[in-house]
Amino acid sequence: SFFLSRFGFESNIALLAFVVALAAL
């Protein structure tokens, strides 16, 4: 997570949305 967060990676945005989606479900 540290590595993903220190670049402007769009995959990090998707990862957050995915985890929120699972928790909300």
PDBML (XML) file of the C-alpha atoms, coordinates in Angstrom:
<?xml version="1.0" encoding="UTF-8" ?>
<PDBx:datablock datablockName="MODEL"
   xmlns:PDBx="http://pdbml.pdb.org/schema/pdbx-v50.xsd"
   xmlns:xsi="http://www.w3.org/2001/XMLSchema-instance"
   xsi:schemaLocation="http://pdbml.pdb.org/schema/pdbx-v50.xsd pdbx-v50.xsd">
   <PDBx:atom_siteCategory>
      <PDBx:atom_site id="1">
         <PDBx:B_iso_or_equiv>0.00</PDBx:B_iso_or_equiv>
         <PDBx:Cartn_x>0.000</PDBx:Cartn_x>
         <PDBx:Cartn_y>0.000</PDBx:Cartn_y>
         <PDBx:Cartn_z>0.000</PDBx:Cartn_z>
         <PDBx:auth_asym_id>A</PDBx:auth_asym_id>
         <PDBx:auth_atom_id>CA</PDBx:auth_atom_id>
         <PDBx:auth_comp_id>SER</PDBx:auth_comp_id>
         <PDBx:auth_seq_id>1</PDBx:auth_seq_id>
         <PDBx:group_PDB>ATOM</PDBx:group_PDB>
         <PDBx:label_alt_id xsi:nil="true" />
         <PDBx:label_asym_id>A</PDBx:label_asym_id>
         <PDBx:label_atom_id>CA</PDBx:label_atom_id>
         <PDBx:label_comp_id>SER</PDBx:label_comp_id>
         <PDBx:label_entity_id>1</PDBx:label_entity_id>
         <PDBx:label_seq_id>1</PDBx:label_seq_id>
         <PDBx:occupancy>1.00</PDBx:occupancy>
         <PDBx:pdbx_PDB_model_num>1</PDBx:pdbx_PDB_model_num>
         <PDBx:type_symbol>C</PDBx:type_symbol>
      </PDBx:atom_site>
      <PDBx:atom_site id="2">
         <PDBx:B_iso_or_equiv>0.00</PDBx:B_iso_or_equiv>
         <PDBx:Cartn_x>2.915</PDBx:Cartn_x>
         <PDBx:Cartn_y>2.344</PDBx:Cartn_y>
         <PDBx:Cartn_z>0.749</PDBx:Cartn_z>
         <PDBx:auth_asym_id>A</PDBx:auth_asym_id>
         <PDBx:auth_atom_id>CA</PDBx:auth_atom_id>
         <PDBx:auth_comp_id>PHE</PDBx:auth_comp_id>
         <PDBx:auth_seq_id>2</PDBx:auth_seq_id>
         <PDBx:group_PDB>ATOM</PDBx:group_PDB>
         <PDBx:label_alt_id xsi:nil="true" />
         <PDBx:label_asym_id>A</PDBx:label_asym_id>
         <PDBx:label_atom_id>CA</PDBx:label_atom_id>
         <PDBx:label_comp_id>PHE</PDBx:label_comp_id>
         <PDBx:label_entity_id>1</PDBx:label_entity_id>
         <PDBx:label_seq_id>2</PDBx:label_seq_id>
         <PDBx:occupancy>1.00</PDBx:occupancy>
         <PDBx:pdbx_PDB_model_num>1</PDBx:pdbx_PDB_model_num>
         <PDBx:type_symbol>C</PDBx:type_symbol>
      </PDBx:atom_site>
      <PDBx:atom_site id="3">
         <PDBx:B_iso_or_equiv>0.00</PDBx:B_iso_or_equiv>
         <PDBx:Cartn_x>4.318</PDBx:Cartn_x>
         <PDBx:Cartn_y>1.854</PDBx:Cartn_y>
         <PDBx:Cartn_z>-2.760</PDBx:Cartn_z>
         <PDBx:auth_asym_id>A</PDBx:auth_asym_id>
         <PDBx:auth_atom_id>CA</PDBx:auth_atom_id>
         <PDBx:auth_comp_id>PHE</PDBx:auth_comp_id>
         <PDBx:auth_seq_id>3</PDBx:auth_seq_id>
         <PDBx:group_PDB>ATOM</PDBx:group_PDB>
         <PDBx:label_alt_id xsi:nil="true" />
         <PDBx:label_asym_id>A</PDBx:label_asym_id>
         <PDBx:label_atom_id>CA</PDBx:label_atom_id>
         <PDBx:label_comp_id>PHE</PDBx:label_comp_id>
         <PDBx:label_entity_id>1</PDBx:label_entity_id>
         <PDBx:label_seq_id>3</PDBx:label_seq_id>
         <PDBx:occupancy>1.00</PDBx:occupancy>
         <PDBx:pdbx_PDB_model_num>1</PDBx:pdbx_PDB_model_num>
         <PDBx:type_symbol>C</PDBx:type_symbol>
      </PDBx:atom_site>
      <PDBx:atom_site id="4">
         <PDBx:B_iso_or_equiv>0.00</PDBx:B_iso_or_equiv>
         <PDBx:Cartn_x>0.974</PDBx:Cartn_x>
         <PDBx:Cartn_y>2.359</PDBx:Cartn_y>
         <PDBx:Cartn_z>-4.491</PDBx:Cartn_z>
         <PDBx:auth_asym_id>A</PDBx:auth_asym_id>
         <PDBx:auth_atom_id>CA</PDBx:auth_atom_id>
         <PDBx:auth_comp_id>LEU</PDBx:auth_comp_id>
         <PDBx:auth_seq_id>4</PDBx:auth_seq_id>
         <PDBx:group_PDB>ATOM</PDBx:group_PDB>
         <PDBx:label_alt_id xsi:nil="true" />
         <PDBx:label_asym_id>A</PDBx:label_asym_id>
         <PDBx:label_atom_id>CA</PDBx:label_atom_id>
         <PDBx:label_comp_id>LEU</PDBx:label_comp_id>
         <PDBx:label_entity_id>1</PDBx:label_entity_id>
         <PDBx:label_seq_id>4</PDBx:label_seq_id>
         <PDBx:occupancy>1.00</PDBx:occupancy>
         <PDBx:pdbx_PDB_model_num>1</PDBx:pdbx_PDB_model_num>
         <PDBx:type_symbol>C</PDBx:type_symbol>
      </PDBx:atom_site>
      <PDBx:atom_site id="5">
         <PDBx:B_iso_or_equiv>0.00</PDBx:B_iso_or_equiv>
         <PDBx:Cartn_x>0.270</PDBx:Cartn_x>
         <PDBx:Cartn_y>5.502</PDBx:Cartn_y>
         <PDBx:Cartn_z>-2.477</PDBx:Cartn_z>
         <PDBx:auth_asym_id>A</PDBx:auth_asym_id>
         <PDBx:auth_atom_id>CA</PDBx:auth_atom_id>
         <PDBx:auth_comp_id>SER</PDBx:auth_comp_id>
         <PDBx:auth_seq_id>5</PDBx:auth_seq_id>
         <PDBx:group_PDB>ATOM</PDBx:group_PDB>
         <PDBx:label_alt_id xsi:nil="true" />
         <PDBx:label_asym_id>A</PDBx:label_asym_id>
         <PDBx:label_atom_id>CA</PDBx:label_atom_id>
         <PDBx:label_comp_id>SER</PDBx:label_comp_id>
         <PDBx:label_entity_id>1</PDBx:label_entity_id>
         <PDBx:label_seq_id>5</PDBx:label_seq_id>
         <PDBx:occupancy>1.00</PDBx:occupancy>
         <PDBx:pdbx_PDB_model_num>1</PDBx:pdbx_PDB_model_num>
         <PDBx:type_symbol>C</PDBx:type_symbol>
      </PDBx:atom_site>
      <PDBx:atom_site id="6">
         <PDBx:B_iso_or_equiv>0.00</PDBx:B_iso_or_equiv>
         <PDBx:Cartn_x>3.492</PDBx:Cartn_x>
         <PDBx:Cartn_y>7.338</PDBx:Cartn_y>
         <PDBx:Cartn_z>-3.317</PDBx:Cartn_z>
         <PDBx:auth_asym_id>A</PDBx:auth_asym_id>
         <PDBx:auth_atom_id>CA</PDBx:auth_atom_id>
         <PDBx:auth_comp_id>ARG</PDBx:auth_comp_id>
         <PDBx:auth_seq_id>6</PDBx:auth_seq_id>
         <PDBx:group_PDB>ATOM</PDBx:group_PDB>
         <PDBx:label_alt_id xsi:nil="true" />
         <PDBx:label_asym_id>A</PDBx:label_asym_id>
         <PDBx:label_atom_id>CA</PDBx:label_atom_id>
         <PDBx:label_comp_id>ARG</PDBx:label_comp_id>
         <PDBx:label_entity_id>1</PDBx:label_entity_id>
         <PDBx:label_seq_id>6</PDBx:label_seq_id>
         <PDBx:occupancy>1.00</PDBx:occupancy>
         <PDBx:pdbx_PDB_model_num>1</PDBx:pdbx_PDB_model_num>
         <PDBx:type_symbol>C</PDBx:type_symbol>
      </PDBx:atom_site>
      <PDBx:atom_site id="7">
         <PDBx:B_iso_or_equiv>0.00</PDBx:B_iso_or_equiv>
         <PDBx:Cartn_x>2.907</PDBx:Cartn_x>
         <PDBx:Cartn_y>7.349</PDBx:Cartn_y>
         <PDBx:Cartn_z>-7.064</PDBx:Cartn_z>
         <PDBx:auth_asym_id>A</PDBx:auth_asym_id>
         <PDBx:auth_atom_id>CA</PDBx:auth_atom_id>
         <PDBx:auth_comp_id>PHE</PDBx:auth_comp_id>
         <PDBx:auth_seq_id>7</PDBx:auth_seq_id>
         <PDBx:group_PDB>ATOM</PDBx:group_PDB>
         <PDBx:label_alt_id xsi:nil="true" />
         <PDBx:label_asym_id>A</PDBx:label_asym_id>
         <PDBx:label_atom_id>CA</PDBx:label_atom_id>
         <PDBx:label_comp_id>PHE</PDBx:label_comp_id>
         <PDBx:label_entity_id>1</PDBx:label_entity_id>
         <PDBx:label_seq_id>7</PDBx:label_seq_id>
         <PDBx:occupancy>1.00</PDBx:occupancy>
         <PDBx:pdbx_PDB_model_num>1</PDBx:pdbx_PDB_model_num>
         <PDBx:type_symbol>C</PDBx:type_symbol>
      </PDBx:atom_site>
      <PDBx:atom_site id="8">
         <PDBx:B_iso_or_equiv>0.00</PDBx:B_iso_or_equiv>
         <PDBx:Cartn_x>-0.075</PDBx:Cartn_x>
         <PDBx:Cartn_y>8.827</PDBx:Cartn_y>
         <PDBx:Cartn_z>-8.877</PDBx:Cartn_z>
         <PDBx:auth_asym_id>A</PDBx:auth_asym_id>
         <PDBx:auth_atom_id>CA</PDBx:auth_atom_id>
         <PDBx:auth_comp_id>GLY</PDBx:auth_comp_id>
         <PDBx:auth_seq_id>8</PDBx:auth_seq_id>
         <PDBx:group_PDB>ATOM</PDBx:group_PDB>
         <PDBx:label_alt_id xsi:nil="true" />
         <PDBx:label_asym_id>A</PDBx:label_asym_id>
         <PDBx:label_atom_id>CA</PDBx:label_atom_id>
         <PDBx:label_comp_id>GLY</PDBx:label_comp_id>
         <PDBx:label_entity_id>1</PDBx:label_entity_id>
         <PDBx:label_seq_id>8</PDBx:label_seq_id>
         <PDBx:occupancy>1.00</PDBx:occupancy>
         <PDBx:pdbx_PDB_model_num>1</PDBx:pdbx_PDB_model_num>
         <PDBx:type_symbol>C</PDBx:type_symbol>
      </PDBx:atom_site>
      <PDBx:atom_site id="9">
         <PDBx:B_iso_or_equiv>0.00</PDBx:B_iso_or_equiv>
         <PDBx:Cartn_x>-1.502</PDBx:Cartn_x>
         <PDBx:Cartn_y>5.370</PDBx:Cartn_y>
         <PDBx:Cartn_z>-9.494</PDBx:Cartn_z>
         <PDBx:auth_asym_id>A</PDBx:auth_asym_id>
         <PDBx:auth_atom_id>CA</PDBx:auth_atom_id>
         <PDBx:auth_comp_id>PHE</PDBx:auth_comp_id>
         <PDBx:auth_seq_id>9</PDBx:auth_seq_id>
         <PDBx:group_PDB>ATOM</PDBx:group_PDB>
         <PDBx:label_alt_id xsi:nil="true" />
         <PDBx:label_asym_id>A</PDBx:label_asym_id>
         <PDBx:label_atom_id>CA</PDBx:label_atom_id>
         <PDBx:label_comp_id>PHE</PDBx:label_comp_id>
         <PDBx:label_entity_id>1</PDBx:label_entity_id>
         <PDBx:label_seq_id>9</PDBx:label_seq_id>
         <PDBx:occupancy>1.00</PDBx:occupancy>
         <PDBx:pdbx_PDB_model_num>1</PDBx:pdbx_PDB_model_num>
         <PDBx:type_symbol>C</PDBx:type_symbol>
      </PDBx:atom_site>
      <PDBx:atom_site id="10">
         <PDBx:B_iso_or_equiv>0.00</PDBx:B_iso_or_equiv>
         <PDBx:Cartn_x>-5.128</PDBx:Cartn_x>
         <PDBx:Cartn_y>5.163</PDBx:Cartn_y>
         <PDBx:Cartn_z>-10.614</PDBx:Cartn_z>
         <PDBx:auth_asym_id>A</PDBx:auth_asym_id>
         <PDBx:auth_atom_id>CA</PDBx:auth_atom_id>
         <PDBx:auth_comp_id>GLU</PDBx:auth_comp_id>
         <PDBx:auth_seq_id>10</PDBx:auth_seq_id>
         <PDBx:group_PDB>ATOM</PDBx:group_PDB>
         <PDBx:label_alt_id xsi:nil="true" />
         <PDBx:label_asym_id>A</PDBx:label_asym_id>
         <PDBx:label_atom_id>CA</PDBx:label_atom_id>
         <PDBx:label_comp_id>GLU</PDBx:label_comp_id>
         <PDBx:label_entity_id>1</PDBx:label_entity_id>
         <PDBx:label_seq_id>10</PDBx:label_seq_id>
         <PDBx:occupancy>1.00</PDBx:occupancy>
         <PDBx:pdbx_PDB_model_num>1</PDBx:pdbx_PDB_model_num>
         <PDBx:type_symbol>C</PDBx:type_symbol>
      </PDBx:atom_site>
      <PDBx:atom_site id="11">
         <PDBx:B_iso_or_equiv>0.00</PDBx:B_iso_or_equiv>
         <PDBx:Cartn_x>-5.201</PDBx:Cartn_x>
         <PDBx:Cartn_y>1.584</PDBx:Cartn_y>
         <PDBx:Cartn_z>-9.343</PDBx:Cartn_z>
         <PDBx:auth_asym_id>A</PDBx:auth_asym_id>
         <PDBx:auth_atom_id>CA</PDBx:auth_atom_id>
         <PDBx:auth_comp_id>SER</PDBx:auth_comp_id>
         <PDBx:auth_seq_id>11</PDBx:auth_seq_id>
         <PDBx:group_PDB>ATOM</PDBx:group_PDB>
         <PDBx:label_alt_id xsi:nil="true" />
         <PDBx:label_asym_id>A</PDBx:label_asym_id>
         <PDBx:label_atom_id>CA</PDBx:label_atom_id>
         <PDBx:label_comp_id>SER</PDBx:label_comp_id>
         <PDBx:label_entity_id>1</PDBx:label_entity_id>
         <PDBx:label_seq_id>11</PDBx:label_seq_id>
         <PDBx:occupancy>1.00</PDBx:occupancy>
         <PDBx:pdbx_PDB_model_num>1</PDBx:pdbx_PDB_model_num>
         <PDBx:type_symbol>C</PDBx:type_symbol>
      </PDBx:atom_site>
      <PDBx:atom_site id="12">
         <PDBx:B_iso_or_equiv>0.00</PDBx:B_iso_or_equiv>
         <PDBx:Cartn_x>-4.993</PDBx:Cartn_x>
         <PDBx:Cartn_y>2.952</PDBx:Cartn_y>
         <PDBx:Cartn_z>-5.793</PDBx:Cartn_z>
         <PDBx:auth_asym_id>A</PDBx:auth_asym_id>
         <PDBx:auth_atom_id>CA</PDBx:auth_atom_id>
         <PDBx:auth_comp_id>ASN</PDBx:auth_comp_id>
         <PDBx:auth_seq_id>12</PDBx:auth_seq_id>
         <PDBx:group_PDB>ATOM</PDBx:group_PDB>
         <PDBx:label_alt_id xsi:nil="true" />
         <PDBx:label_asym_id>A</PDBx:label_asym_id>
         <PDBx:label_atom_id>CA</PDBx:label_atom_id>
         <PDBx:label_comp_id>ASN</PDBx:label_comp_id>
         <PDBx:label_entity_id>1</PDBx:label_entity_id>
         <PDBx:label_seq_id>12</PDBx:label_seq_id>
         <PDBx:occupancy>1.00</PDBx:occupancy>
         <PDBx:pdbx_PDB_model_num>1</PDBx:pdbx_PDB_model_num>
         <PDBx:type_symbol>C</PDBx:type_symbol>
      </PDBx:atom_site>
      <PDBx:atom_site id="13">
         <PDBx:B_iso_or_equiv>0.00</PDBx:B_iso_or_equiv>
         <PDBx:Cartn_x>-8.215</PDBx:Cartn_x>
         <PDBx:Cartn_y>4.886</PDBx:Cartn_y>
         <PDBx:Cartn_z>-6.344</PDBx:Cartn_z>
         <PDBx:auth_asym_id>A</PDBx:auth_asym_id>
         <PDBx:auth_atom_id>CA</PDBx:auth_atom_id>
         <PDBx:auth_comp_id>ILE</PDBx:auth_comp_id>
         <PDBx:auth_seq_id>13</PDBx:auth_seq_id>
         <PDBx:group_PDB>ATOM</PDBx:group_PDB>
         <PDBx:label_alt_id xsi:nil="true" />
         <PDBx:label_asym_id>A</PDBx:label_asym_id>
         <PDBx:label_atom_id>CA</PDBx:label_atom_id>
         <PDBx:label_comp_id>ILE</PDBx:label_comp_id>
         <PDBx:label_entity_id>1</PDBx:label_entity_id>
         <PDBx:label_seq_id>13</PDBx:label_seq_id>
         <PDBx:occupancy>1.00</PDBx:occupancy>
         <PDBx:pdbx_PDB_model_num>1</PDBx:pdbx_PDB_model_num>
         <PDBx:type_symbol>C</PDBx:type_symbol>
      </PDBx:atom_site>
      <PDBx:atom_site id="14">
         <PDBx:B_iso_or_equiv>0.00</PDBx:B_iso_or_equiv>
         <PDBx:Cartn_x>-9.910</PDBx:Cartn_x>
         <PDBx:Cartn_y>1.733</PDBx:Cartn_y>
         <PDBx:Cartn_z>-7.623</PDBx:Cartn_z>
         <PDBx:auth_asym_id>A</PDBx:auth_asym_id>
         <PDBx:auth_atom_id>CA</PDBx:auth_atom_id>
         <PDBx:auth_comp_id>ALA</PDBx:auth_comp_id>
         <PDBx:auth_seq_id>14</PDBx:auth_seq_id>
         <PDBx:group_PDB>ATOM</PDBx:group_PDB>
         <PDBx:label_alt_id xsi:nil="true" />
         <PDBx:label_asym_id>A</PDBx:label_asym_id>
         <PDBx:label_atom_id>CA</PDBx:label_atom_id>
         <PDBx:label_comp_id>ALA</PDBx:label_comp_id>
         <PDBx:label_entity_id>1</PDBx:label_entity_id>
         <PDBx:label_seq_id>14</PDBx:label_seq_id>
         <PDBx:occupancy>1.00</PDBx:occupancy>
         <PDBx:pdbx_PDB_model_num>1</PDBx:pdbx_PDB_model_num>
         <PDBx:type_symbol>C</PDBx:type_symbol>
      </PDBx:atom_site>
      <PDBx:atom_site id="15">
         <PDBx:B_iso_or_equiv>0.00</PDBx:B_iso_or_equiv>
         <PDBx:Cartn_x>-8.629</PDBx:Cartn_x>
         <PDBx:Cartn_y>-0.283</PDBx:Cartn_y>
         <PDBx:Cartn_z>-4.672</PDBx:Cartn_z>
         <PDBx:auth_asym_id>A</PDBx:auth_asym_id>
         <PDBx:auth_atom_id>CA</PDBx:auth_atom_id>
         <PDBx:auth_comp_id>LEU</PDBx:auth_comp_id>
         <PDBx:auth_seq_id>15</PDBx:auth_seq_id>
         <PDBx:group_PDB>ATOM</PDBx:group_PDB>
         <PDBx:label_alt_id xsi:nil="true" />
         <PDBx:label_asym_id>A</PDBx:label_asym_id>
         <PDBx:label_atom_id>CA</PDBx:label_atom_id>
         <PDBx:label_comp_id>LEU</PDBx:label_comp_id>
         <PDBx:label_entity_id>1</PDBx:label_entity_id>
         <PDBx:label_seq_id>15</PDBx:label_seq_id>
         <PDBx:occupancy>1.00</PDBx:occupancy>
         <PDBx:pdbx_PDB_model_num>1</PDBx:pdbx_PDB_model_num>
         <PDBx:type_symbol>C</PDBx:type_symbol>
      </PDBx:atom_site>
      <PDBx:atom_site id="16">
         <PDBx:B_iso_or_equiv>0.00</PDBx:B_iso_or_equiv>
         <PDBx:Cartn_x>-10.185</PDBx:Cartn_x>
         <PDBx:Cartn_y>2.134</PDBx:Cartn_y>
         <PDBx:Cartn_z>-2.194</PDBx:Cartn_z>
         <PDBx:auth_asym_id>A</PDBx:auth_asym_id>
         <PDBx:auth_atom_id>CA</PDBx:auth_atom_id>
         <PDBx:auth_comp_id>LEU</PDBx:auth_comp_id>
         <PDBx:auth_seq_id>16</PDBx:auth_seq_id>
         <PDBx:group_PDB>ATOM</PDBx:group_PDB>
         <PDBx:label_alt_id xsi:nil="true" />
         <PDBx:label_asym_id>A</PDBx:label_asym_id>
         <PDBx:label_atom_id>CA</PDBx:label_atom_id>
         <PDBx:label_comp_id>LEU</PDBx:label_comp_id>
         <PDBx:label_entity_id>1</PDBx:label_entity_id>
         <PDBx:label_seq_id>16</PDBx:label_seq_id>
         <PDBx:occupancy>1.00</PDBx:occupancy>
         <PDBx:pdbx_PDB_model_num>1</PDBx:pdbx_PDB_model_num>
         <PDBx:type_symbol>C</PDBx:type_symbol>
      </PDBx:atom_site>
      <PDBx:atom_site id="17">
         <PDBx:B_iso_or_equiv>0.00</PDBx:B_iso_or_equiv>
         <PDBx:Cartn_x>-13.504</PDBx:Cartn_x>
         <PDBx:Cartn_y>2.099</PDBx:Cartn_y>
         <PDBx:Cartn_z>-4.051</PDBx:Cartn_z>
         <PDBx:auth_asym_id>A</PDBx:auth_asym_id>
         <PDBx:auth_atom_id>CA</PDBx:auth_atom_id>
         <PDBx:auth_comp_id>ALA</PDBx:auth_comp_id>
         <PDBx:auth_seq_id>17</PDBx:auth_seq_id>
         <PDBx:group_PDB>ATOM</PDBx:group_PDB>
         <PDBx:label_alt_id xsi:nil="true" />
         <PDBx:label_asym_id>A</PDBx:label_asym_id>
         <PDBx:label_atom_id>CA</PDBx:label_atom_id>
         <PDBx:label_comp_id>ALA</PDBx:label_comp_id>
         <PDBx:label_entity_id>1</PDBx:label_entity_id>
         <PDBx:label_seq_id>17</PDBx:label_seq_id>
         <PDBx:occupancy>1.00</PDBx:occupancy>
         <PDBx:pdbx_PDB_model_num>1</PDBx:pdbx_PDB_model_num>
         <PDBx:type_symbol>C</PDBx:type_symbol>
      </PDBx:atom_site>
      <PDBx:atom_site id="18">
         <PDBx:B_iso_or_equiv>0.00</PDBx:B_iso_or_equiv>
         <PDBx:Cartn_x>-13.481</PDBx:Cartn_x>
         <PDBx:Cartn_y>-1.712</PDBx:Cartn_y>
         <PDBx:Cartn_z>-4.177</PDBx:Cartn_z>
         <PDBx:auth_asym_id>A</PDBx:auth_asym_id>
         <PDBx:auth_atom_id>CA</PDBx:auth_atom_id>
         <PDBx:auth_comp_id>PHE</PDBx:auth_comp_id>
         <PDBx:auth_seq_id>18</PDBx:auth_seq_id>
         <PDBx:group_PDB>ATOM</PDBx:group_PDB>
         <PDBx:label_alt_id xsi:nil="true" />
         <PDBx:label_asym_id>A</PDBx:label_asym_id>
         <PDBx:label_atom_id>CA</PDBx:label_atom_id>
         <PDBx:label_comp_id>PHE</PDBx:label_comp_id>
         <PDBx:label_entity_id>1</PDBx:label_entity_id>
         <PDBx:label_seq_id>18</PDBx:label_seq_id>
         <PDBx:occupancy>1.00</PDBx:occupancy>
         <PDBx:pdbx_PDB_model_num>1</PDBx:pdbx_PDB_model_num>
         <PDBx:type_symbol>C</PDBx:type_symbol>
      </PDBx:atom_site>
      <PDBx:atom_site id="19">
         <PDBx:B_iso_or_equiv>0.00</PDBx:B_iso_or_equiv>
         <PDBx:Cartn_x>-12.864</PDBx:Cartn_x>
         <PDBx:Cartn_y>-2.134</PDBx:Cartn_y>
         <PDBx:Cartn_z>-0.444</PDBx:Cartn_z>
         <PDBx:auth_asym_id>A</PDBx:auth_asym_id>
         <PDBx:auth_atom_id>CA</PDBx:auth_atom_id>
         <PDBx:auth_comp_id>VAL</PDBx:auth_comp_id>
         <PDBx:auth_seq_id>19</PDBx:auth_seq_id>
         <PDBx:group_PDB>ATOM</PDBx:group_PDB>
         <PDBx:label_alt_id xsi:nil="true" />
         <PDBx:label_asym_id>A</PDBx:label_asym_id>
         <PDBx:label_atom_id>CA</PDBx:label_atom_id>
         <PDBx:label_comp_id>VAL</PDBx:label_comp_id>
         <PDBx:label_entity_id>1</PDBx:label_entity_id>
         <PDBx:label_seq_id>19</PDBx:label_seq_id>
         <PDBx:occupancy>1.00</PDBx:occupancy>
         <PDBx:pdbx_PDB_model_num>1</PDBx:pdbx_PDB_model_num>
         <PDBx:type_symbol>C</PDBx:type_symbol>
      </PDBx:atom_site>
      <PDBx:atom_site id="20">
         <PDBx:B_iso_or_equiv>0.00</PDBx:B_iso_or_equiv>
         <PDBx:Cartn_x>-15.578</PDBx:Cartn_x>
         <PDBx:Cartn_y>0.425</PDBx:Cartn_y>
         <PDBx:Cartn_z>0.375</PDBx:Cartn_z>
         <PDBx:auth_asym_id>A</PDBx:auth_asym_id>
         <PDBx:auth_atom_id>CA</PDBx:auth_atom_id>
         <PDBx:auth_comp_id>VAL</PDBx:auth_comp_id>
         <PDBx:auth_seq_id>20</PDBx:auth_seq_id>
         <PDBx:group_PDB>ATOM</PDBx:group_PDB>
         <PDBx:label_alt_id xsi:nil="true" />
         <PDBx:label_asym_id>A</PDBx:label_asym_id>
         <PDBx:label_atom_id>CA</PDBx:label_atom_id>
         <PDBx:label_comp_id>VAL</PDBx:label_comp_id>
         <PDBx:label_entity_id>1</PDBx:label_entity_id>
         <PDBx:label_seq_id>20</PDBx:label_seq_id>
         <PDBx:occupancy>1.00</PDBx:occupancy>
         <PDBx:pdbx_PDB_model_num>1</PDBx:pdbx_PDB_model_num>
         <PDBx:type_symbol>C</PDBx:type_symbol>
      </PDBx:atom_site>
      <PDBx:atom_site id="21">
         <PDBx:B_iso_or_equiv>0.00</PDBx:B_iso_or_equiv>
         <PDBx:Cartn_x>-17.943</PDBx:Cartn_x>
         <PDBx:Cartn_y>-1.458</PDBx:Cartn_y>
         <PDBx:Cartn_z>-1.950</PDBx:Cartn_z>
         <PDBx:auth_asym_id>A</PDBx:auth_asym_id>
         <PDBx:auth_atom_id>CA</PDBx:auth_atom_id>
         <PDBx:auth_comp_id>ALA</PDBx:auth_comp_id>
         <PDBx:auth_seq_id>21</PDBx:auth_seq_id>
         <PDBx:group_PDB>ATOM</PDBx:group_PDB>
         <PDBx:label_alt_id xsi:nil="true" />
         <PDBx:label_asym_id>A</PDBx:label_asym_id>
         <PDBx:label_atom_id>CA</PDBx:label_atom_id>
         <PDBx:label_comp_id>ALA</PDBx:label_comp_id>
         <PDBx:label_entity_id>1</PDBx:label_entity_id>
         <PDBx:label_seq_id>21</PDBx:label_seq_id>
         <PDBx:occupancy>1.00</PDBx:occupancy>
         <PDBx:pdbx_PDB_model_num>1</PDBx:pdbx_PDB_model_num>
         <PDBx:type_symbol>C</PDBx:type_symbol>
      </PDBx:atom_site>
      <PDBx:atom_site id="22">
         <PDBx:B_iso_or_equiv>0.00</PDBx:B_iso_or_equiv>
         <PDBx:Cartn_x>-17.301</PDBx:Cartn_x>
         <PDBx:Cartn_y>-4.758</PDBx:Cartn_y>
         <PDBx:Cartn_z>-0.174</PDBx:Cartn_z>
         <PDBx:auth_asym_id>A</PDBx:auth_asym_id>
         <PDBx:auth_atom_id>CA</PDBx:auth_atom_id>
         <PDBx:auth_comp_id>LEU</PDBx:auth_comp_id>
         <PDBx:auth_seq_id>22</PDBx:auth_seq_id>
         <PDBx:group_PDB>ATOM</PDBx:group_PDB>
         <PDBx:label_alt_id xsi:nil="true" />
         <PDBx:label_asym_id>A</PDBx:label_asym_id>
         <PDBx:label_atom_id>CA</PDBx:label_atom_id>
         <PDBx:label_comp_id>LEU</PDBx:label_comp_id>
         <PDBx:label_entity_id>1</PDBx:label_entity_id>
         <PDBx:label_seq_id>22</PDBx:label_seq_id>
         <PDBx:occupancy>1.00</PDBx:occupancy>
         <PDBx:pdbx_PDB_model_num>1</PDBx:pdbx_PDB_model_num>
         <PDBx:type_symbol>C</PDBx:type_symbol>
      </PDBx:atom_site>
      <PDBx:atom_site id="23">
         <PDBx:B_iso_or_equiv>0.00</PDBx:B_iso_or_equiv>
         <PDBx:Cartn_x>-17.695</PDBx:Cartn_x>
         <PDBx:Cartn_y>-3.229</PDBx:Cartn_y>
         <PDBx:Cartn_z>3.282</PDBx:Cartn_z>
         <PDBx:auth_asym_id>A</PDBx:auth_asym_id>
         <PDBx:auth_atom_id>CA</PDBx:auth_atom_id>
         <PDBx:auth_comp_id>ALA</PDBx:auth_comp_id>
         <PDBx:auth_seq_id>23</PDBx:auth_seq_id>
         <PDBx:group_PDB>ATOM</PDBx:group_PDB>
         <PDBx:label_alt_id xsi:nil="true" />
         <PDBx:label_asym_id>A</PDBx:label_asym_id>
         <PDBx:label_atom_id>CA</PDBx:label_atom_id>
         <PDBx:label_comp_id>ALA</PDBx:label_comp_id>
         <PDBx:label_entity_id>1</PDBx:label_entity_id>
         <PDBx:label_seq_id>23</PDBx:label_seq_id>
         <PDBx:occupancy>1.00</PDBx:occupancy>
         <PDBx:pdbx_PDB_model_num>1</PDBx:pdbx_PDB_model_num>
         <PDBx:type_symbol>C</PDBx:type_symbol>
      </PDBx:atom_site>
      <PDBx:atom_site id="24">
         <PDBx:B_iso_or_equiv>0.00</PDBx:B_iso_or_equiv>
         <PDBx:Cartn_x>-20.912</PDBx:Cartn_x>
         <PDBx:Cartn_y>-1.446</PDBx:Cartn_y>
         <PDBx:Cartn_z>2.299</PDBx:Cartn_z>
         <PDBx:auth_asym_id>A</PDBx:auth_asym_id>
         <PDBx:auth_atom_id>CA</PDBx:auth_atom_id>
         <PDBx:auth_comp_id>ALA</PDBx:auth_comp_id>
         <PDBx:auth_seq_id>24</PDBx:auth_seq_id>
         <PDBx:group_PDB>ATOM</PDBx:group_PDB>
         <PDBx:label_alt_id xsi:nil="true" />
         <PDBx:label_asym_id>A</PDBx:label_asym_id>
         <PDBx:label_atom_id>CA</PDBx:label_atom_id>
         <PDBx:label_comp_id>ALA</PDBx:label_comp_id>
         <PDBx:label_entity_id>1</PDBx:label_entity_id>
         <PDBx:label_seq_id>24</PDBx:label_seq_id>
         <PDBx:occupancy>1.00</PDBx:occupancy>
         <PDBx:pdbx_PDB_model_num>1</PDBx:pdbx_PDB_model_num>
         <PDBx:type_symbol>C</PDBx:type_symbol>
      </PDBx:atom_site>
      <PDBx:atom_site id="25">
         <PDBx:B_iso_or_equiv>0.00</PDBx:B_iso_or_equiv>
         <PDBx:Cartn_x>-22.304</PDBx:Cartn_x>
         <PDBx:Cartn_y>-4.654</PDBx:Cartn_y>
         <PDBx:Cartn_z>0.784</PDBx:Cartn_z>
         <PDBx:auth_asym_id>A</PDBx:auth_asym_id>
         <PDBx:auth_atom_id>CA</PDBx:auth_atom_id>
         <PDBx:auth_comp_id>LEU</PDBx:auth_comp_id>
         <PDBx:auth_seq_id>25</PDBx:auth_seq_id>
         <PDBx:group_PDB>ATOM</PDBx:group_PDB>
         <PDBx:label_alt_id xsi:nil="true" />
         <PDBx:label_asym_id>A</PDBx:label_asym_id>
         <PDBx:label_atom_id>CA</PDBx:label_atom_id>
         <PDBx:label_comp_id>LEU</PDBx:label_comp_id>
         <PDBx:label_entity_id>1</PDBx:label_entity_id>
         <PDBx:label_seq_id>25</PDBx:label_seq_id>
         <PDBx:occupancy>1.00</PDBx:occupancy>
         <PDBx:pdbx_PDB_model_num>1</PDBx:pdbx_PDB_model_num>
         <PDBx:type_symbol>C</PDBx:type_symbol>
      </PDBx:atom_site>
   </PDBx:atom_siteCategory>
</PDBx:datablock>
